[in-house]
Protein backbone atom coordinates (compact mmCIF):
# COMPACT_ATOMS: atom_id res chain seq x y z
CA MET A 1 -21.18 -61.43 12.59
CA HIS A 2 -20.02 -59.01 14.65
CA GLY A 3 -21.37 -55.47 15.56
CA ALA A 4 -19.13 -52.54 16.33
CA GLY A 5 -17.28 -53.20 19.44
CA GLU A 6 -17.81 -56.75 19.72
CA SER A 7 -15.95 -60.03 19.49
CA ASP A 8 -15.36 -63.48 20.15
CA GLU A 9 -14.08 -64.19 23.09
CA GLY A 10 -10.45 -64.54 22.71
CA ASP A 11 -10.10 -62.64 19.60
CA GLU A 12 -7.96 -60.01 21.23
CA LEU A 13 -5.57 -62.34 22.23
CA ASP A 14 -4.55 -63.15 18.55
CA VAL A 15 -3.42 -59.55 17.86
CA ILE A 16 0.03 -58.03 18.89
CA VAL A 17 -0.21 -54.94 20.03
CA ARG A 18 2.11 -51.99 19.22
CA LEU A 19 2.12 -49.62 22.34
CA PRO A 20 4.33 -46.43 21.10
CA VAL A 21 5.78 -45.05 24.76
CA ALA A 22 7.45 -41.63 25.04
CA LEU A 23 9.83 -41.60 28.01
CA ASP A 24 11.98 -39.20 29.56
CA PRO A 25 15.72 -39.53 28.27
CA VAL A 26 17.29 -40.44 31.45
CA LEU A 27 14.65 -42.84 32.25
CA HIS A 28 15.34 -44.67 28.57
CA ARG A 29 18.77 -44.61 29.53
CA ARG A 30 18.21 -46.46 32.74
CA LEU A 31 15.66 -49.17 31.00
CA ILE A 32 18.28 -49.69 28.43
CA ARG A 33 20.95 -50.04 30.95
CA TRP A 34 18.74 -52.52 33.02
CA CYS A 35 18.00 -54.75 29.94
CA GLN A 36 21.83 -54.86 29.17
CA GLU A 37 22.74 -55.92 32.73
CA THR A 38 20.04 -58.55 33.05
CA ALA A 39 20.84 -59.75 29.88
CA ARG A 40 24.49 -60.52 30.69
CA SER A 41 23.08 -62.11 33.98
CA LEU A 42 20.77 -64.36 32.28
CA ASP A 43 23.47 -65.28 29.78
CA VAL A 44 21.44 -64.16 26.68
CA LEU A 45 22.45 -62.01 23.84
CA GLU A 46 19.91 -59.54 24.35
CA LEU A 47 16.72 -58.67 26.16
CA SER A 48 14.06 -56.54 24.67
CA ARG A 49 12.17 -53.66 26.47
CA ALA A 50 9.08 -55.22 25.40
CA ALA A 51 9.89 -58.47 26.85
CA VAL A 52 10.58 -56.53 30.42
CA LEU A 53 7.27 -54.71 30.15
CA GLU A 54 5.31 -58.00 29.77
CA ALA A 55 7.31 -59.01 32.65
CA LEU A 56 6.37 -56.07 34.79
CA ILE A 57 2.66 -56.22 33.99
CA GLU A 58 2.53 -59.75 34.72
CA GLN A 59 4.42 -58.96 37.98
CA LEU A 60 1.57 -55.95 38.49
CA ASP A 61 -1.23 -58.32 37.94
CA ASP A 62 0.23 -61.22 39.88
CA ASP A 63 1.56 -59.40 43.33
CA PRO A 64 -0.70 -57.08 44.79
CA ARG A 65 1.97 -55.33 47.18
CA LEU A 66 3.80 -54.47 43.77
CA SER A 67 0.31 -52.86 42.52
CA ALA A 68 -0.63 -51.14 45.55
CA ALA A 69 2.99 -49.75 45.69
CA VAL A 70 2.73 -48.40 42.01
CA ARG A 71 -0.90 -47.14 42.37
CA ARG A 72 0.35 -45.03 45.55
CA ARG A 73 3.38 -43.82 43.29
CA LEU A 74 0.91 -42.89 40.56
CA ALA A 75 -1.27 -41.11 43.13
CA THR A 76 1.85 -38.85 44.58
CA ALA A 77 3.44 -38.29 40.91
CA PRO A 78 3.53 -34.79 39.77
CA GLU A 79 0.85 -33.88 37.28
CA SER A 80 1.60 -34.33 33.78
CA SER A 81 0.28 -33.80 30.17
CA THR A 82 -1.96 -36.47 29.05
CA ARG A 83 0.39 -36.64 25.72
CA ALA A 84 3.37 -38.53 26.80
CA GLY A 85 6.56 -36.95 26.03
CA SER A 86 5.36 -33.38 25.92
CA GLY A 87 7.13 -30.47 27.28
CA ARG A 88 10.59 -30.29 29.54
CA GLY A 89 10.87 -33.16 32.00
CA ALA A 90 8.17 -35.30 30.50
CA GLY A 91 7.87 -38.72 31.99
CA ARG A 92 8.63 -37.91 35.56
CA GLY A 93 5.16 -37.28 35.78
CA ARG A 94 4.67 -40.77 34.86
CA GLY A 95 1.85 -40.16 32.48
CA VAL A 96 -0.58 -39.33 35.07
CA ALA A 97 -3.38 -36.53 34.44
CA SER A 98 -6.33 -35.64 36.45
CA ALA A 99 -9.78 -35.93 34.67
CA GLY A 100 -11.51 -33.05 33.19
């Protein structure tokens, strides 16, 4: 039996997490185009955006230089709303919001 917020080690690995993401329309088109081009180069019918995000997350964990570069980009990104997709130009701030 588990209390609130407790789980057996590994339980979270058994559940698929859905992650709704609001993207700037231009970024969304760029992602779709990249997936299509990469699917062609890999000679597969389709490459899901989820597969791309999974690969990117793994790369961020595995590559300290890439991780540092992304952190630098996020640190210098224009401040944006905490709610992704809100307002004109949403997505350009990469979802970074100041604390407080």
